[in-house]
Amino acid sequence: MEMIQVQSNAISAVGYEASTQKLKIKFHQGHSYDFCHVPLSVYQSFIKAPSKGAFYDSHIKDRYQC
């Protein structure tokens, strides 16, 4: 999965695999987490969000467990 760098105080990079709907998020602290069954529309909104951390907290965190 290709990871892309993002501008965020909390998140350093994200990756998305459309065929499996898997999202990977890497945090500046060094941890990375996988999320499953994430719709493409959620990923696209996440990438466009002005605050990646706020979007993560509101729309991804504690959802889409693998």
N, C-alpha and C. Protein backbone atom coordinates (compact mmCIF):
# COMPACT_ATOMS: atom_id res chain seq x y z
N MET A 1 0.85 -1.18 0.00
CA MET A 1 0.00 0.00 0.00
C MET A 1 0.88 1.24 0.00
N GLU A 2 0.62 2.12 -0.93
CA GLU A 2 1.38 3.36 -1.01
C GLU A 2 0.89 4.34 0.05
N MET A 3 1.81 4.90 0.79
CA MET A 3 1.49 5.88 1.83
C MET A 3 1.81 7.26 1.29
N ILE A 4 0.93 8.22 1.57
CA ILE A 4 1.20 9.60 1.17
C ILE A 4 1.31 10.47 2.42
N GLN A 5 2.25 11.39 2.39
CA GLN A 5 2.44 12.33 3.49
C GLN A 5 1.28 13.32 3.52
N VAL A 6 0.85 13.69 4.72
CA VAL A 6 -0.22 14.68 4.87
C VAL A 6 0.22 15.76 5.85
N GLN A 7 -0.40 16.92 5.70
CA GLN A 7 -0.15 18.04 6.61
C GLN A 7 -1.07 17.87 7.81
N SER A 8 -0.51 17.56 8.95
CA SER A 8 -1.30 17.35 10.16
C SER A 8 -0.38 17.39 11.37
N ASN A 9 -0.91 17.88 12.47
CA ASN A 9 -0.14 17.87 13.71
C ASN A 9 -0.05 16.48 14.32
N ALA A 10 -1.01 15.62 14.01
CA ALA A 10 -1.06 14.30 14.62
C ALA A 10 -0.72 13.17 13.66
N ILE A 11 -1.09 13.32 12.39
CA ILE A 11 -0.98 12.24 11.41
C ILE A 11 0.13 12.55 10.42
N SER A 12 1.00 11.57 10.17
CA SER A 12 2.11 11.81 9.26
C SER A 12 1.84 11.31 7.85
N ALA A 13 1.10 10.18 7.72
CA ALA A 13 0.86 9.62 6.39
C ALA A 13 -0.39 8.75 6.41
N VAL A 14 -0.99 8.62 5.22
CA VAL A 14 -2.15 7.75 5.07
C VAL A 14 -2.02 6.94 3.79
N GLY A 15 -2.63 5.78 3.79
CA GLY A 15 -2.67 4.95 2.60
C GLY A 15 -4.05 4.33 2.48
N TYR A 16 -4.45 4.05 1.26
CA TYR A 16 -5.77 3.46 1.03
C TYR A 16 -5.69 2.48 -0.12
N GLU A 17 -6.29 1.32 0.08
CA GLU A 17 -6.36 0.29 -0.95
C GLU A 17 -7.83 0.13 -1.33
N ALA A 18 -8.19 0.67 -2.49
CA ALA A 18 -9.60 0.69 -2.91
C ALA A 18 -10.18 -0.71 -3.06
N SER A 19 -9.40 -1.67 -3.56
CA SER A 19 -9.92 -3.01 -3.82
C SER A 19 -10.34 -3.73 -2.54
N THR A 20 -9.70 -3.40 -1.42
CA THR A 20 -10.03 -4.03 -0.14
C THR A 20 -10.69 -3.06 0.83
N GLN A 21 -10.77 -1.81 0.46
CA GLN A 21 -11.31 -0.74 1.31
C GLN A 21 -10.56 -0.65 2.64
N LYS A 22 -9.24 -0.88 2.58
CA LYS A 22 -8.42 -0.80 3.79
C LYS A 22 -7.71 0.55 3.84
N LEU A 23 -7.80 1.19 4.99
CA LEU A 23 -7.16 2.48 5.25
C LEU A 23 -6.08 2.27 6.29
N LYS A 24 -4.90 2.82 6.06
CA LYS A 24 -3.81 2.78 7.03
C LYS A 24 -3.46 4.22 7.39
N ILE A 25 -3.34 4.48 8.67
CA ILE A 25 -2.99 5.81 9.15
C ILE A 25 -1.75 5.69 10.04
N LYS A 26 -0.75 6.49 9.71
CA LYS A 26 0.49 6.53 10.52
C LYS A 26 0.53 7.86 11.26
N PHE A 27 0.76 7.77 12.55
CA PHE A 27 0.80 8.96 13.40
C PHE A 27 2.24 9.40 13.64
N HIS A 28 2.42 10.67 13.93
CA HIS A 28 3.75 11.21 14.19
C HIS A 28 4.43 10.49 15.35
N GLN A 29 3.65 9.97 16.29
CA GLN A 29 4.22 9.26 17.44
C GLN A 29 4.84 7.93 17.05
N GLY A 30 4.61 7.50 15.79
CA GLY A 30 5.21 6.26 15.32
C GLY A 30 4.24 5.10 15.19
N HIS A 31 3.08 5.20 15.77
CA HIS A 31 2.08 4.14 15.68
C HIS A 31 1.37 4.21 14.33
N SER A 32 0.96 3.06 13.83
CA SER A 32 0.11 3.03 12.64
C SER A 32 -1.04 2.07 12.90
N TYR A 33 -2.17 2.39 12.30
CA TYR A 33 -3.38 1.60 12.51
C TYR A 33 -4.04 1.32 11.17
N ASP A 34 -4.66 0.14 11.09
CA ASP A 34 -5.40 -0.26 9.90
C ASP A 34 -6.90 -0.19 10.21
N PHE A 35 -7.66 0.24 9.21
CA PHE A 35 -9.11 0.31 9.31
C PHE A 35 -9.68 -0.39 8.08
N CYS A 36 -10.70 -1.23 8.28
CA CYS A 36 -11.25 -2.04 7.20
C CYS A 36 -12.66 -1.59 6.82
N HIS A 37 -13.01 -1.88 5.57
CA HIS A 37 -14.34 -1.56 5.03
C HIS A 37 -14.61 -0.05 5.06
N VAL A 38 -13.57 0.73 4.80
CA VAL A 38 -13.70 2.20 4.76
C VAL A 38 -14.13 2.58 3.34
N PRO A 39 -15.30 3.21 3.20
CA PRO A 39 -15.74 3.61 1.86
C PRO A 39 -14.77 4.62 1.23
N LEU A 40 -14.66 4.54 -0.08
CA LEU A 40 -13.80 5.48 -0.81
C LEU A 40 -14.18 6.92 -0.50
N SER A 41 -15.46 7.19 -0.36
CA SER A 41 -15.92 8.56 -0.08
C SER A 41 -15.39 9.07 1.25
N VAL A 42 -15.27 8.20 2.25
CA VAL A 42 -14.72 8.61 3.55
C VAL A 42 -13.24 8.92 3.40
N TYR A 43 -12.52 8.07 2.67
CA TYR A 43 -11.09 8.34 2.44
C TYR A 43 -10.90 9.66 1.70
N GLN A 44 -11.68 9.90 0.66
CA GLN A 44 -11.54 11.14 -0.12
C GLN A 44 -11.84 12.36 0.74
N SER A 45 -12.85 12.28 1.59
CA SER A 45 -13.17 13.39 2.48
C SER A 45 -12.06 13.60 3.50
N PHE A 46 -11.49 12.51 3.98
CA PHE A 46 -10.38 12.58 4.94
C PHE A 46 -9.19 13.32 4.32
N ILE A 47 -8.84 12.97 3.11
CA ILE A 47 -7.70 13.59 2.44
C ILE A 47 -7.94 15.09 2.22
N LYS A 48 -9.18 15.46 1.94
CA LYS A 48 -9.52 16.87 1.66
C LYS A 48 -9.76 17.69 2.93
N ALA A 49 -9.92 17.03 4.06
CA ALA A 49 -10.27 17.73 5.30
C ALA A 49 -9.16 18.70 5.72
N PRO A 50 -9.54 19.92 6.11
CA PRO A 50 -8.53 20.88 6.56
C PRO A 50 -7.81 20.43 7.83
N SER A 51 -8.51 19.69 8.69
CA SER A 51 -7.90 19.13 9.89
C SER A 51 -8.04 17.62 9.85
N LYS A 52 -6.94 16.94 9.54
CA LYS A 52 -6.97 15.48 9.46
C LYS A 52 -7.27 14.86 10.82
N GLY A 53 -6.71 15.43 11.88
CA GLY A 53 -6.94 14.91 13.22
C GLY A 53 -8.40 15.01 13.63
N ALA A 54 -9.03 16.15 13.36
CA ALA A 54 -10.45 16.33 13.71
C ALA A 54 -11.32 15.38 12.89
N PHE A 55 -11.00 15.21 11.60
CA PHE A 55 -11.78 14.29 10.77
C PHE A 55 -11.61 12.86 11.29
N TYR A 56 -10.39 12.49 11.62
CA TYR A 56 -10.13 11.16 12.17
C TYR A 56 -10.97 10.93 13.43
N ASP A 57 -10.95 11.89 14.34
CA ASP A 57 -11.70 11.74 15.59
C ASP A 57 -13.21 11.63 15.34
N SER A 58 -13.73 12.39 14.39
CA SER A 58 -15.17 12.43 14.15
C SER A 58 -15.71 11.31 13.26
N HIS A 59 -14.90 10.84 12.31
CA HIS A 59 -15.43 9.94 11.29
C HIS A 59 -14.73 8.59 11.16
N ILE A 60 -13.56 8.42 11.79
CA ILE A 60 -12.82 7.17 11.59
C ILE A 60 -12.53 6.45 12.90
N LYS A 61 -12.08 7.17 13.90
CA LYS A 61 -11.70 6.57 15.18
C LYS A 61 -12.86 5.75 15.76
N ASP A 62 -12.54 4.56 16.24
CA ASP A 62 -13.49 3.63 16.85
C ASP A 62 -14.55 3.13 15.86
N ARG A 63 -14.26 3.24 14.57
CA ARG A 63 -15.12 2.68 13.52
C ARG A 63 -14.24 1.87 12.59
N TYR A 64 -14.82 1.11 11.76
CA TYR A 64 -14.09 0.39 10.72
C TYR A 64 -13.01 -0.55 11.25
N GLN A 65 -13.28 -1.24 12.36
CA GLN A 65 -12.31 -2.20 12.89
C GLN A 65 -12.12 -3.35 11.92
N CYS A 66 -10.90 -3.84 11.88
CA CYS A 66 -10.59 -4.99 11.02
C CYS A 66 -10.88 -6.29 11.76
